């Protein structure tokens, strides 16, 4: 923001978009380390967005200048609160990622029971809902891989073999 123009500049808006976009992409990964980095980037992007929503101007201290030229103190207080919350959540995710790495040797989020049930139904060609794509259950390119590559390699099977 500039003194002559009270609105946000294009560079700051693009920075918010880049931080939030990269944060969301990293949140969709299965590695807890990448999820942690996504939370940090998303938190910083949202903090910058909150700051852009406030009015720019002088220090928000009564008696230092005219009230209509002061910056908005609410946005600054919200960002400070969001920084503390993001820090606490980051510390929690870091502890979860470390614990997962300590117990299993990697920080990948495993499939839950419902995912495994869906995979089993797909292997038996049990379709839970109508197939609206037109291809059969064996020819669907969007089917979930029933076994991640690292598990196949542990069993001694190459990546392409079933």
Protein backbone atom coordinates (compact mmCIF):
# COMPACT_ATOMS: atom_id res chain seq x y z
CA UNK A 1 0.00 0.00 0.00
CA UNK A 2 1.19 3.49 -0.72
CA UNK A 3 0.53 6.82 0.99
CA UNK A 4 -1.21 8.36 -2.04
CA UNK A 5 -3.23 5.26 -2.90
CA UNK A 6 -4.95 3.64 0.11
CA UNK A 7 -5.79 0.40 -1.73
CA UNK A 8 -3.60 -2.68 -2.09
CA UNK A 9 -1.05 -2.82 -4.90
CA UNK A 10 -1.05 -5.54 -7.53
CA UNK A 11 2.23 -6.94 -6.21
CA UNK A 12 0.74 -7.57 -2.76
CA UNK A 13 -2.38 -9.16 -4.21
CA UNK A 14 -0.22 -11.45 -6.37
CA UNK A 15 1.90 -12.30 -3.32
CA UNK A 16 -1.26 -13.31 -1.43
CA UNK A 17 -2.40 -15.42 -4.39
CA UNK A 18 0.99 -17.12 -4.71
CA UNK A 19 1.29 -17.87 -0.99
CA UNK A 20 -2.26 -19.21 -0.68
CA UNK A 21 -2.01 -21.18 -3.94
CA UNK A 22 1.28 -22.84 -3.02
CA UNK A 23 0.00 -23.49 0.50
CA UNK A 24 -3.13 -25.24 -0.76
CA UNK A 25 -1.13 -27.37 -3.21
CA UNK A 26 1.23 -28.44 -0.42
CA UNK A 27 -1.71 -29.19 1.91
CA UNK A 28 -2.99 -31.74 -0.61
CA UNK A 29 0.19 -33.83 -0.40
CA UNK A 30 0.49 -37.00 1.69
CA UNK A 31 3.80 -36.11 3.35
CA UNK A 32 3.38 -34.41 6.73
CA UNK A 33 6.45 -32.26 6.06
CA UNK A 34 4.84 -30.82 2.95
CA UNK A 35 1.56 -30.37 4.80
CA UNK A 36 3.46 -28.45 7.47
CA UNK A 37 5.04 -26.18 4.85
CA UNK A 38 1.60 -25.70 3.29
CA UNK A 39 0.15 -24.58 6.62
CA UNK A 40 2.97 -22.07 7.06
CA UNK A 41 2.55 -20.65 3.54
CA UNK A 42 -1.23 -20.55 3.80
CA UNK A 43 -1.02 -18.84 7.19
CA UNK A 44 1.35 -16.18 5.85
CA UNK A 45 -0.86 -15.60 2.82
CA UNK A 46 -3.97 -15.17 4.95
CA UNK A 47 -2.11 -12.83 7.32
CA UNK A 48 -1.10 -10.67 4.38
CA UNK A 49 -4.68 -10.74 3.10
CA UNK A 50 -5.98 -9.56 6.49
CA UNK A 51 -3.45 -6.73 6.49
CA UNK A 52 -4.52 -5.71 3.00
CA UNK A 53 -8.10 -5.45 4.24
CA UNK A 54 -7.18 -2.79 6.80
CA UNK A 55 -6.86 0.91 6.13
CA UNK A 56 -3.31 2.24 5.75
CA UNK A 57 -2.16 5.43 7.40
CA UNK A 58 -0.40 6.73 10.48
CA UNK A 59 0.14 4.94 13.76
CA UNK A 60 -3.16 4.06 15.47
CA UNK A 61 -2.32 5.96 18.66
CA UNK A 62 -4.80 8.55 19.89
CA UNK A 63 -3.34 12.04 19.91
CA UNK A 64 -0.62 11.49 17.27
CA UNK A 65 -2.69 12.72 14.35
CA UNK A 66 -6.17 13.05 12.90
CA UNK A 67 -8.39 10.03 13.41
CA UNK A 68 -9.35 9.73 9.75
CA UNK A 69 -5.67 9.29 8.75
CA UNK A 70 -4.86 6.48 11.22
CA UNK A 71 -4.39 2.90 10.12
CA UNK A 72 -6.89 0.27 11.16
CA UNK A 73 -5.69 -1.35 14.40
CA UNK A 74 -8.18 -4.23 14.15
CA UNK A 75 -6.41 -5.80 11.16
CA UNK A 76 -3.08 -5.59 12.97
CA UNK A 77 -4.54 -7.22 16.09
CA UNK A 78 -6.11 -10.00 14.01
CA UNK A 79 -2.80 -10.70 12.28
CA UNK A 80 -0.95 -10.89 15.60
CA UNK A 81 -3.55 -13.35 16.87
CA UNK A 82 -3.34 -15.37 13.66
CA UNK A 83 0.46 -15.53 13.93
CA UNK A 84 0.20 -17.02 17.42
CA UNK A 85 -2.43 -19.54 16.33
CA UNK A 86 -0.42 -20.52 13.23
CA UNK A 87 2.70 -20.96 15.36
CA UNK A 88 0.86 -23.26 17.77
CA UNK A 89 -0.64 -25.30 14.94
CA UNK A 90 2.77 -25.52 13.25
CA UNK A 91 4.34 -26.81 16.47
CA UNK A 92 1.57 -29.42 16.78
CA UNK A 93 2.01 -30.60 13.16
CA UNK A 94 5.77 -30.72 13.63
CA UNK A 95 5.29 -32.96 16.67
CA UNK A 96 2.88 -35.21 14.74
CA UNK A 97 5.29 -35.46 11.79
CA UNK A 98 8.20 -36.29 14.08
CA UNK A 99 6.18 -38.92 15.91
CA UNK A 100 5.06 -40.47 12.63
CA UNK A 101 8.64 -40.54 11.36
CA UNK A 102 9.87 -42.01 14.66
CA UNK A 103 7.29 -44.82 14.65
CA UNK A 104 7.07 -45.75 10.97
CA UNK A 105 10.27 -44.42 9.40
CA UNK A 106 8.44 -42.00 7.10
CA UNK A 107 6.03 -39.12 7.46
CA UNK A 108 3.47 -40.19 4.88
CA UNK A 109 -0.17 -40.11 5.94
CA UNK A 110 -1.55 -43.67 5.64
CA UNK A 111 -4.87 -44.60 4.10
CA UNK A 112 -7.76 -44.81 6.51
CA UNK A 113 -10.11 -47.79 6.79
CA UNK A 114 -12.75 -46.34 4.47
CA UNK A 115 -10.14 -45.85 1.73
CA UNK A 116 -9.12 -49.48 2.06
CA UNK A 117 -12.77 -50.59 1.84
CA UNK A 118 -13.21 -48.57 -1.35
CA UNK A 119 -10.07 -50.14 -2.81
CA UNK A 120 -11.29 -53.65 -1.91
CA UNK A 121 -14.66 -52.97 -3.55
CA UNK A 122 -12.89 -51.69 -6.66
CA UNK A 123 -10.73 -54.85 -6.80
CA UNK A 124 -13.86 -57.05 -6.67
CA UNK A 125 -15.57 -54.82 -9.23
CA UNK A 126 -18.25 -53.93 -6.66
CA UNK A 127 -19.49 -50.57 -7.82
CA UNK A 128 -21.00 -48.61 -4.94
CA UNK A 129 -22.50 -45.97 -7.20
CA UNK A 130 -23.49 -45.75 -10.83
CA UNK A 131 -20.54 -45.42 -13.21
CA UNK A 132 -21.28 -42.15 -14.95
CA UNK A 133 -18.02 -42.07 -16.92
CA UNK A 134 -19.00 -44.88 -19.28
CA UNK A 135 -15.87 -46.97 -18.74
CA UNK A 136 -16.04 -50.16 -16.74
CA UNK A 137 -14.50 -50.59 -13.29
CA UNK A 138 -11.34 -52.16 -14.74
CA UNK A 139 -10.79 -49.48 -17.38
CA UNK A 140 -11.22 -46.39 -15.21
CA UNK A 141 -7.96 -44.37 -15.32
CA UNK A 142 -8.96 -42.49 -12.17
CA UNK A 143 -9.11 -45.59 -9.96
CA UNK A 144 -7.07 -45.48 -6.79
CA UNK A 145 -3.81 -47.44 -6.93
CA UNK A 146 -4.55 -50.31 -4.54
CA UNK A 147 -1.00 -50.45 -3.25
CA UNK A 148 1.42 -47.51 -2.99
CA UNK A 149 4.79 -47.91 -4.72
CA UNK A 150 6.84 -48.06 -1.52
CA UNK A 151 4.83 -51.05 -0.25
CA UNK A 152 5.26 -52.89 -3.55
CA UNK A 153 9.01 -52.33 -3.40
CA UNK A 154 9.20 -53.70 0.14
CA UNK A 155 7.66 -56.94 -1.09
CA UNK A 156 10.18 -57.20 -3.91
CA UNK A 157 7.75 -56.51 -6.76
CA UNK A 158 8.79 -54.00 -9.41
CA UNK A 159 6.69 -50.85 -9.87
CA UNK A 160 4.82 -52.05 -12.97
CA UNK A 161 4.09 -55.61 -11.82
CA UNK A 162 0.91 -56.53 -9.96
